[in-house]
């Protein structure tokens, strides 16, 4: 594994997750998630109380997870990176959301289905970028 490519592609994946998270969860679907929250009310942080450091940390860690898997799997095409990352995103979000739904009152079934779909799409886009950045500078045969 090329350490520089791993670091660059992981950072790129983290940036993509952070920006798409802001776009999807913070802008486009924020009202949807407020309207389809579970019965637990008042548990979400207001926008001015969110801990951006931890949000960024989580996004970058997932970017590095994708970079690691893509590197170890030997994935070299953007399409393969997107498909693999979509599957990973789907499985991770489905797992987390299912356990969360089964153990807390924070989400509704509608919101977890939406979250799984959004995270799957976000993961596909991030995986495509991770694969593209990891492949930059490679000589073609």
N, C-alpha and C. Protein backbone atom coordinates (compact mmCIF):
# COMPACT_ATOMS: atom_id res chain seq x y z
N UNK A 1 0.85 -1.17 0.00
CA UNK A 1 0.00 0.00 0.00
C UNK A 1 0.91 1.24 0.00
N UNK A 2 0.65 2.13 -0.91
CA UNK A 2 1.38 3.38 -1.00
C UNK A 2 0.80 4.34 0.05
N UNK A 3 1.62 4.68 1.05
CA UNK A 3 1.15 5.50 2.17
C UNK A 3 0.66 6.86 1.71
N UNK A 4 1.38 7.50 0.81
CA UNK A 4 0.96 8.83 0.34
C UNK A 4 -0.39 8.77 -0.36
N UNK A 5 -0.57 7.77 -1.22
CA UNK A 5 -1.85 7.64 -1.93
C UNK A 5 -2.98 7.31 -0.95
N UNK A 6 -2.67 6.47 0.04
CA UNK A 6 -3.66 6.15 1.06
C UNK A 6 -4.08 7.41 1.82
N UNK A 7 -3.11 8.19 2.25
CA UNK A 7 -3.43 9.41 2.99
C UNK A 7 -4.21 10.40 2.15
N UNK A 8 -3.75 10.63 0.93
CA UNK A 8 -4.44 11.59 0.05
C UNK A 8 -5.85 11.12 -0.29
N UNK A 9 -6.00 9.85 -0.61
CA UNK A 9 -7.34 9.37 -0.97
C UNK A 9 -8.26 9.33 0.25
N UNK A 10 -7.72 9.00 1.42
CA UNK A 10 -8.53 9.02 2.65
C UNK A 10 -8.99 10.43 2.99
N UNK A 11 -8.09 11.40 2.84
CA UNK A 11 -8.45 12.79 3.09
C UNK A 11 -9.52 13.24 2.08
N UNK A 12 -9.33 12.88 0.82
CA UNK A 12 -10.32 13.24 -0.20
C UNK A 12 -11.68 12.63 0.14
N UNK A 13 -11.69 11.37 0.56
CA UNK A 13 -12.94 10.73 0.95
C UNK A 13 -13.59 11.42 2.13
N UNK A 14 -12.78 11.82 3.12
CA UNK A 14 -13.31 12.54 4.27
C UNK A 14 -13.92 13.87 3.90
N UNK A 15 -13.26 14.60 3.00
CA UNK A 15 -13.78 15.89 2.54
C UNK A 15 -15.11 15.69 1.82
N UNK A 16 -15.18 14.67 0.97
CA UNK A 16 -16.42 14.39 0.24
C UNK A 16 -17.55 14.04 1.22
N UNK A 17 -17.26 13.18 2.19
CA UNK A 17 -18.29 12.83 3.19
C UNK A 17 -18.75 14.06 3.95
N UNK A 18 -17.79 14.90 4.36
CA UNK A 18 -18.15 16.10 5.12
C UNK A 18 -19.02 17.04 4.30
N UNK A 19 -18.62 17.32 3.07
CA UNK A 19 -19.37 18.26 2.23
C UNK A 19 -20.73 17.71 1.83
N UNK A 20 -20.78 16.42 1.46
CA UNK A 20 -22.07 15.84 1.09
C UNK A 20 -22.98 15.69 2.31
N UNK A 21 -22.40 15.43 3.47
CA UNK A 21 -23.19 15.38 4.70
C UNK A 21 -23.83 16.72 4.98
N UNK A 22 -23.04 17.78 4.83
CA UNK A 22 -23.58 19.13 5.00
C UNK A 22 -24.71 19.37 3.99
N UNK A 23 -24.46 19.00 2.72
CA UNK A 23 -25.46 19.24 1.68
C UNK A 23 -26.73 18.43 1.93
N UNK A 24 -26.58 17.11 2.11
CA UNK A 24 -27.75 16.24 2.24
C UNK A 24 -28.45 16.39 3.59
N UNK A 25 -27.68 16.23 4.67
CA UNK A 25 -28.30 16.23 6.00
C UNK A 25 -28.54 17.64 6.54
N UNK A 26 -27.63 18.54 6.24
CA UNK A 26 -27.73 19.89 6.78
C UNK A 26 -28.61 20.83 5.98
N UNK A 27 -28.71 20.59 4.67
CA UNK A 27 -29.46 21.52 3.83
C UNK A 27 -30.70 20.86 3.20
N UNK A 28 -30.48 19.89 2.33
CA UNK A 28 -31.58 19.36 1.52
C UNK A 28 -32.62 18.57 2.32
N UNK A 29 -32.18 17.76 3.27
CA UNK A 29 -33.11 16.87 3.97
C UNK A 29 -33.26 17.18 5.46
N UNK A 30 -32.78 18.32 5.91
CA UNK A 30 -32.85 18.61 7.35
C UNK A 30 -34.30 18.68 7.84
N UNK A 31 -35.16 19.33 7.08
CA UNK A 31 -36.57 19.40 7.48
C UNK A 31 -37.22 18.02 7.45
N UNK A 32 -36.88 17.21 6.45
CA UNK A 32 -37.42 15.85 6.37
C UNK A 32 -37.09 15.06 7.63
N UNK A 33 -35.82 15.13 8.05
CA UNK A 33 -35.42 14.36 9.24
C UNK A 33 -36.05 14.91 10.51
N UNK A 34 -36.28 16.21 10.58
CA UNK A 34 -36.98 16.78 11.75
C UNK A 34 -38.43 16.31 11.78
N UNK A 35 -39.07 16.25 10.60
CA UNK A 35 -40.47 15.83 10.53
C UNK A 35 -40.64 14.34 10.76
N UNK A 36 -39.60 13.55 10.49
CA UNK A 36 -39.70 12.10 10.61
C UNK A 36 -38.80 11.55 11.72
N UNK A 37 -38.61 12.34 12.75
CA UNK A 37 -37.83 11.88 13.89
C UNK A 37 -38.64 10.85 14.67
N UNK A 38 -37.97 10.11 15.50
CA UNK A 38 -38.66 9.16 16.37
C UNK A 38 -39.35 9.90 17.51
N UNK A 39 -39.95 9.16 18.43
CA UNK A 39 -40.70 9.79 19.51
C UNK A 39 -39.83 10.58 20.50
N UNK A 40 -38.52 10.31 20.56
CA UNK A 40 -37.65 11.07 21.46
C UNK A 40 -37.47 12.47 20.87
N UNK A 41 -37.87 13.45 21.60
CA UNK A 41 -37.81 14.83 21.11
C UNK A 41 -36.71 15.60 21.86
N UNK A 42 -36.14 16.55 21.17
CA UNK A 42 -35.16 17.43 21.80
C UNK A 42 -33.79 16.81 22.02
N UNK A 43 -33.48 15.73 21.31
CA UNK A 43 -32.19 15.09 21.52
C UNK A 43 -31.14 15.53 20.50
N UNK A 44 -31.57 16.13 19.42
CA UNK A 44 -30.61 16.59 18.41
C UNK A 44 -30.04 17.94 18.84
N UNK A 45 -28.76 18.12 18.54
CA UNK A 45 -28.12 19.41 18.83
C UNK A 45 -28.61 20.44 17.81
N UNK A 46 -28.82 21.65 18.27
CA UNK A 46 -29.14 22.75 17.36
C UNK A 46 -27.90 23.04 16.53
N UNK A 47 -28.11 23.64 15.37
CA UNK A 47 -27.00 23.90 14.45
C UNK A 47 -25.87 24.66 15.12
N UNK A 48 -26.18 25.58 16.00
CA UNK A 48 -25.12 26.36 16.64
C UNK A 48 -24.46 25.64 17.81
N UNK A 49 -24.89 24.42 18.11
CA UNK A 49 -24.28 23.63 19.18
C UNK A 49 -23.65 22.34 18.67
N UNK A 50 -23.64 22.15 17.36
CA UNK A 50 -23.03 20.95 16.81
C UNK A 50 -21.52 20.98 17.02
N UNK A 51 -20.94 19.84 17.23
CA UNK A 51 -19.51 19.72 17.45
C UNK A 51 -18.85 19.33 16.14
N UNK A 52 -18.48 20.33 15.34
CA UNK A 52 -17.95 20.10 14.00
C UNK A 52 -16.67 19.26 14.01
N UNK A 53 -15.87 19.38 15.05
CA UNK A 53 -14.66 18.58 15.14
C UNK A 53 -15.00 17.09 15.09
N UNK A 54 -16.00 16.69 15.83
CA UNK A 54 -16.37 15.27 15.87
C UNK A 54 -17.10 14.83 14.61
N UNK A 55 -17.85 15.73 14.02
CA UNK A 55 -18.49 15.42 12.74
C UNK A 55 -17.42 15.20 11.69
N UNK A 56 -16.44 16.10 11.65
CA UNK A 56 -15.33 15.96 10.69
C UNK A 56 -14.53 14.70 10.97
N UNK A 57 -14.26 14.41 12.22
CA UNK A 57 -13.52 13.20 12.58
C UNK A 57 -14.22 11.95 12.06
N UNK A 58 -15.51 11.86 12.29
CA UNK A 58 -16.27 10.71 11.81
C UNK A 58 -16.24 10.59 10.29
N UNK A 59 -16.36 11.71 9.60
CA UNK A 59 -16.33 11.70 8.14
C UNK A 59 -14.97 11.28 7.62
N UNK A 60 -13.91 11.81 8.21
CA UNK A 60 -12.56 11.45 7.76
C UNK A 60 -12.23 10.00 8.08
N UNK A 61 -12.68 9.51 9.22
CA UNK A 61 -12.44 8.10 9.53
C UNK A 61 -13.12 7.17 8.51
N UNK A 62 -14.32 7.53 8.09
CA UNK A 62 -14.98 6.70 7.09
C UNK A 62 -14.30 6.83 5.73
N UNK A 63 -13.80 8.02 5.42
CA UNK A 63 -13.02 8.19 4.19
C UNK A 63 -11.79 7.31 4.19
N UNK A 64 -11.11 7.23 5.34
CA UNK A 64 -9.93 6.36 5.45
C UNK A 64 -10.31 4.89 5.42
N UNK A 65 -11.48 4.55 5.96
CA UNK A 65 -11.94 3.15 5.87
C UNK A 65 -12.12 2.76 4.41
N UNK A 66 -12.77 3.60 3.64
CA UNK A 66 -12.95 3.30 2.21
C UNK A 66 -11.61 3.25 1.50
N UNK A 67 -10.71 4.17 1.80
CA UNK A 67 -9.39 4.17 1.17
C UNK A 67 -8.64 2.88 1.49
N UNK A 68 -8.74 2.41 2.70
CA UNK A 68 -8.08 1.18 3.10
C UNK A 68 -8.66 -0.03 2.35
N UNK A 69 -9.96 -0.13 2.34
CA UNK A 69 -10.62 -1.27 1.68
C UNK A 69 -10.34 -1.25 0.18
N UNK A 70 -10.47 -0.09 -0.44
CA UNK A 70 -10.23 0.03 -1.88
C UNK A 70 -8.79 -0.34 -2.22
N UNK A 71 -7.86 0.10 -1.40
CA UNK A 71 -6.44 -0.22 -1.62
C UNK A 71 -6.19 -1.71 -1.45
N UNK A 72 -6.66 -2.28 -0.36
CA UNK A 72 -6.42 -3.70 -0.08
C UNK A 72 -7.11 -4.61 -1.09
N UNK A 73 -8.25 -4.17 -1.61
CA UNK A 73 -8.99 -4.98 -2.58
C UNK A 73 -8.42 -4.83 -3.99
N UNK A 74 -7.50 -3.90 -4.16
CA UNK A 74 -6.90 -3.69 -5.48
C UNK A 74 -7.85 -3.07 -6.49
N UNK A 75 -8.79 -2.30 -6.02
CA UNK A 75 -9.76 -1.66 -6.91
C UNK A 75 -9.09 -0.49 -7.62
N UNK A 76 -9.22 -0.45 -8.94
CA UNK A 76 -8.54 0.59 -9.71
C UNK A 76 -9.45 1.42 -10.58
N UNK A 77 -10.68 0.99 -10.80
CA UNK A 77 -11.57 1.80 -11.64
C UNK A 77 -12.54 2.57 -10.76
N UNK A 78 -12.88 3.76 -11.20
CA UNK A 78 -13.79 4.63 -10.46
C UNK A 78 -15.14 3.95 -10.27
N UNK A 79 -15.63 3.26 -11.30
CA UNK A 79 -16.92 2.58 -11.19
C UNK A 79 -16.88 1.47 -10.15
N UNK A 80 -15.82 0.68 -10.15
CA UNK A 80 -15.69 -0.38 -9.14
C UNK A 80 -15.59 0.21 -7.74
N UNK A 81 -14.86 1.32 -7.61
CA UNK A 81 -14.76 1.98 -6.31
C UNK A 81 -16.11 2.49 -5.83
N UNK A 82 -16.89 3.04 -6.75
CA UNK A 82 -18.21 3.55 -6.40
C UNK A 82 -19.14 2.41 -5.98
N UNK A 83 -19.14 1.33 -6.74
CA UNK A 83 -20.02 0.19 -6.43
C UNK A 83 -19.64 -0.45 -5.11
N UNK A 84 -18.34 -0.70 -4.92
CA UNK A 84 -17.87 -1.31 -3.68
C UNK A 84 -18.21 -0.42 -2.49
N UNK A 85 -17.97 0.87 -2.63
CA UNK A 85 -18.25 1.80 -1.54
C UNK A 85 -19.74 1.94 -1.26
N UNK A 86 -20.55 1.88 -2.30
CA UNK A 86 -22.01 1.90 -2.09
C UNK A 86 -22.45 0.70 -1.28
N UNK A 87 -21.90 -0.47 -1.59
CA UNK A 87 -22.25 -1.68 -0.83
C UNK A 87 -21.80 -1.55 0.61
N UNK A 88 -20.57 -1.06 0.82
CA UNK A 88 -20.07 -0.86 2.18
C UNK A 88 -20.95 0.15 2.92
N UNK A 89 -21.25 1.26 2.29
CA UNK A 89 -22.10 2.27 2.91
C UNK A 89 -23.48 1.74 3.24
N UNK A 90 -24.05 0.97 2.33
CA UNK A 90 -25.37 0.36 2.57
C UNK A 90 -25.32 -0.58 3.77
N UNK A 91 -24.32 -1.45 3.81
CA UNK A 91 -24.24 -2.42 4.90
C UNK A 91 -23.96 -1.75 6.25
N UNK A 92 -23.05 -0.78 6.26
CA UNK A 92 -22.73 -0.09 7.51
C UNK A 92 -23.93 0.70 8.01
N UNK A 93 -24.56 1.49 7.14
CA UNK A 93 -25.69 2.31 7.59
C UNK A 93 -26.90 1.45 7.94
N UNK A 94 -27.13 0.39 7.19
CA UNK A 94 -28.25 -0.51 7.51
C UNK A 94 -28.03 -1.17 8.87
N UNK A 95 -26.82 -1.59 9.12
CA UNK A 95 -26.49 -2.21 10.40
C UNK A 95 -26.68 -1.23 11.55
N UNK A 96 -26.05 -0.06 11.43
CA UNK A 96 -26.13 0.94 12.49
C UNK A 96 -27.57 1.41 12.71
N UNK A 97 -28.26 1.74 11.63
CA UNK A 97 -29.62 2.26 11.75
C UNK A 97 -30.58 1.21 12.31
N UNK A 98 -30.39 -0.05 11.93
CA UNK A 98 -31.26 -1.10 12.45
C UNK A 98 -31.09 -1.27 13.96
N UNK A 99 -29.84 -1.30 14.41
CA UNK A 99 -29.59 -1.43 15.85
C UNK A 99 -30.09 -0.18 16.58
N UNK A 100 -29.84 0.99 16.02
CA UNK A 100 -30.30 2.23 16.64
C UNK A 100 -31.82 2.25 16.74
N UNK A 101 -32.49 1.85 15.66
CA UNK A 101 -33.96 1.84 15.68
C UNK A 101 -34.49 0.84 16.71
N UNK A 102 -33.81 -0.29 16.82
CA UNK A 102 -34.25 -1.32 17.75
C UNK A 102 -33.96 -1.01 19.21
N UNK A 103 -33.07 -0.06 19.48
CA UNK A 103 -32.67 0.19 20.86
C UNK A 103 -32.94 1.61 21.36
N UNK A 104 -33.35 2.52 20.49
CA UNK A 104 -33.61 3.89 20.93
C UNK A 104 -34.93 4.39 20.35
N UNK A 105 -35.30 5.59 20.77
CA UNK A 105 -36.50 6.25 20.26
C UNK A 105 -36.15 7.43 19.38
N UNK A 106 -34.92 7.47 18.87
CA UNK A 106 -34.43 8.64 18.16
C UNK A 106 -34.93 8.72 16.72
N UNK A 107 -35.07 7.59 16.06
CA UNK A 107 -35.42 7.57 14.63
C UNK A 107 -36.75 6.88 14.38
N UNK A 108 -37.33 7.19 13.25
CA UNK A 108 -38.51 6.47 12.78
C UNK A 108 -38.07 5.54 11.66
N UNK A 109 -38.92 4.61 11.31
CA UNK A 109 -38.58 3.72 10.18
C UNK A 109 -38.39 4.52 8.90
N UNK A 110 -39.20 5.54 8.71
CA UNK A 110 -39.07 6.38 7.52
C UNK A 110 -37.71 7.06 7.48
N UNK A 111 -37.27 7.58 8.61
CA UNK A 111 -35.99 8.29 8.63
C UNK A 111 -34.81 7.34 8.46
N UNK A 112 -34.91 6.10 8.96
CA UNK A 112 -33.76 5.21 8.76
C UNK A 112 -33.67 4.74 7.31
N UNK A 113 -34.80 4.55 6.65
CA UNK A 113 -34.77 4.19 5.22
C UNK A 113 -34.13 5.33 4.43
N UNK A 114 -34.51 6.56 4.75
CA UNK A 114 -33.92 7.71 4.06
C UNK A 114 -32.43 7.83 4.37
N UNK A 115 -32.06 7.62 5.61
CA UNK A 115 -30.65 7.70 5.99
C UNK A 115 -29.83 6.65 5.26
N UNK A 116 -30.33 5.45 5.16
CA UNK A 116 -29.62 4.37 4.45
C UNK A 116 -29.43 4.75 2.98
N UNK A 117 -30.48 5.26 2.37
CA UNK A 117 -30.38 5.66 0.95
C UNK A 117 -29.37 6.79 0.77
N UNK A 118 -29.44 7.81 1.61
CA UNK A 118 -28.53 8.95 1.49
C UNK A 118 -27.09 8.51 1.75
N UNK A 119 -26.87 7.71 2.77
CA UNK A 119 -25.51 7.29 3.09
C UNK A 119 -24.95 6.36 2.01
N UNK A 120 -25.79 5.56 1.40
CA UNK A 120 -25.34 4.70 0.31
C UNK A 120 -24.88 5.53 -0.88
N UNK A 121 -25.66 6.53 -1.24
CA UNK A 121 -25.28 7.42 -2.35
C UNK A 121 -24.01 8.20 -2.00
N UNK A 122 -23.95 8.74 -0.80
CA UNK A 122 -22.76 9.47 -0.36
C UNK A 122 -21.53 8.59 -0.41
N UNK A 123 -21.66 7.36 0.04
CA UNK A 123 -20.54 6.41 0.04
C UNK A 123 -20.09 6.10 -1.38
N UNK A 124 -21.03 5.95 -2.30
CA UNK A 124 -20.68 5.68 -3.70
C UNK A 124 -19.87 6.84 -4.28
N UNK A 125 -20.32 8.05 -4.04
CA UNK A 125 -19.61 9.23 -4.56
C UNK A 125 -18.23 9.33 -3.93
N UNK A 126 -18.17 9.17 -2.61
CA UNK A 126 -16.88 9.25 -1.92
C UNK A 126 -15.95 8.14 -2.40
N UNK A 127 -16.47 6.94 -2.59
CA UNK A 127 -15.65 5.83 -3.07
C UNK A 127 -15.10 6.06 -4.46
N UNK A 128 -15.90 6.68 -5.31
CA UNK A 128 -15.42 7.02 -6.66
C UNK A 128 -14.26 8.01 -6.56
N UNK A 129 -14.40 9.01 -5.71
CA UNK A 129 -13.34 10.02 -5.54
C UNK A 129 -12.10 9.39 -4.91
N UNK A 130 -12.29 8.56 -3.91
CA UNK A 130 -11.16 7.87 -3.27
C UNK A 130 -10.38 7.06 -4.30
N UNK A 131 -11.10 6.31 -5.13
CA UNK A 131 -10.45 5.48 -6.15
C UNK A 131 -9.74 6.35 -7.18
N UNK A 132 -10.37 7.43 -7.59
CA UNK A 132 -9.76 8.34 -8.56
C UNK A 132 -8.48 8.95 -8.01
N UNK A 133 -8.53 9.43 -6.76
CA UNK A 133 -7.33 10.04 -6.15
C UNK A 133 -6.25 8.99 -5.97
N UNK A 134 -6.61 7.80 -5.56
CA UNK A 134 -5.61 6.73 -5.38
C UNK A 134 -4.94 6.36 -6.69
N UNK A 135 -5.67 6.52 -7.79
CA UNK A 135 -5.12 6.15 -9.10
C UNK A 135 -4.41 7.28 -9.82
N UNK A 136 -4.42 8.47 -9.25
CA UNK A 136 -3.76 9.60 -9.90
C UNK A 136 -2.26 9.34 -10.01
N UNK A 137 -1.73 9.64 -11.17
CA UNK A 137 -0.30 9.49 -11.37
C UNK A 137 0.13 8.12 -11.84
N UNK A 138 -0.82 7.19 -11.96
CA UNK A 138 -0.47 5.86 -12.47
C UNK A 138 -0.24 5.93 -13.95
N UNK A 139 0.74 5.21 -14.39
CA UNK A 139 1.01 5.13 -15.83
C UNK A 139 0.08 4.10 -16.45
N UNK A 140 -0.48 4.45 -17.60
CA UNK A 140 -1.35 3.51 -18.29
C UNK A 140 -0.49 2.62 -19.17
N UNK A 141 -0.91 1.38 -19.32
CA UNK A 141 -0.13 0.41 -20.10
C UNK A 141 -0.30 0.60 -21.58
